[in-house]
């Protein structure tokens, strides 16, 4: 998008900027969707089992799109992880004039594998529009985030021209879906290039179609494995069964102690809260989560608080013989992997210690219990009194025409903790283009196109208000 207003002599009245940005985004939107469709066609998956050339093609395509909006300083960078090159990230910079703020715009260009092709109603890497939604792997997560940044910047340069004096850095990661293994090293290596006053992470979701959201909290994460052993080796269940219980049974009894009768996590020492400010109706949750009829919901407090402000523990894997390979023996050992989501304010190390103490003190029938800690990720909470948060909420409201929700997220974005630690003075905003039916990571992933258009506009309005001095604390 080329600027129609290259000088500062005929700048629009600030009161008119929002409507002019709306008109610019509307006019450019068909092209934005076409460019997004082109990105969807590239199978950039940062997993070892997939063609790394496609990931490189994805980075090159993103770099070319950024150059097309007038940013010349565009580089494809990567760092090594134990000698193995990390995924290619695109870093583009428009340096701020002296005294002006810089905004870092984050998204990622890598995607999840498509999974079972028979579950897709259209080809996963062919962007297909149906009923106002664009279907395809990465259409929502997170190639739409990339195009939101590109579309917003293009609208700003068209409407404001040279009066747009904010520094902008685009950081488009290339390995987020693989767990961002080199993210921390990348930030440390290119810290000076990524320094910013505001960081916009476009990798979350809106409240629902028609209602935008600023994600103001994330749960953290710890995981690990629990092993129960009762015998030195397997023995015949008929000859020895009765006086001793098998390891899977005892593991099940141990797992049952992790929740109380209401379904709340029963591990002492974990942070918990019940202060969500929005109502998530039970029927909406049941529909969004595909809960079967008759299944009772677990836990106490509001649905939103259970999702955002309380710990949640799941067993995500077990090592025991399959039914097909079972035999009449008492199994000597069994192992399970747990995943514990942490409430905002919880220290991951303390949570891990709490889980260890619980399982070791609840060994059933004196069984030998072994605990192996796994990965950790810190929770996050936005300070909504900061100017950037206020501007973001106002921009969302102007773009959608309704008040934005301050929403939590039950999931985790572990790299947010790295951003918080390495850029402590930056205000971090977590925005998104998805909605509850986007089905990110699943078959038939899709993007609601009208919501996407509003997301592009909201980001353009946010940047315009930062440009107008909105970060000052008055």
Foldseek 3Di string as FASTA:
>chain_A
DAAPDADQPDADDPVCLLVLLLVLLVVCVVVLVVLLQVLLLQQQAQDPVDDNVSLVVSQVSLQVLLVVLPFDAKDWDWDDDVNHTGGTKIKTKDDFDPPAFEEEQEAASHWFDQPDQVVFPDGQSGFDDDPQKTWHTCSFRPSLSSSLVSSLSSSLCHRRRPLLRYMYMYIYHRHVVVPPSCVLVVCVVCVVSRFGQAYEYAGDAAAAVLAGEWAFKEWKKWKWKKKWFDDPFKDFCVVDNDVDAFAVVQVVVLVVQQADPQQAGPQPPAFFDADFPDADDPVNVCVLVVPDPPDDDGDDHGPQRVQAAGKDKDWDDKDDDDPVPDDRIRGGMIMIMMMMTGGAPGDFVSVLVRVVVSSVVPRPPPTDMDIGIDDIAHMGGAPCVALLNVLLQVLLCSLSVHGHGHGHGSHDSRCVVSCCVSRVSHHYIYGYQHRSPQPGPHHGRIGNSSSSSSSSSSVSSSSVCSSVVRRDDD
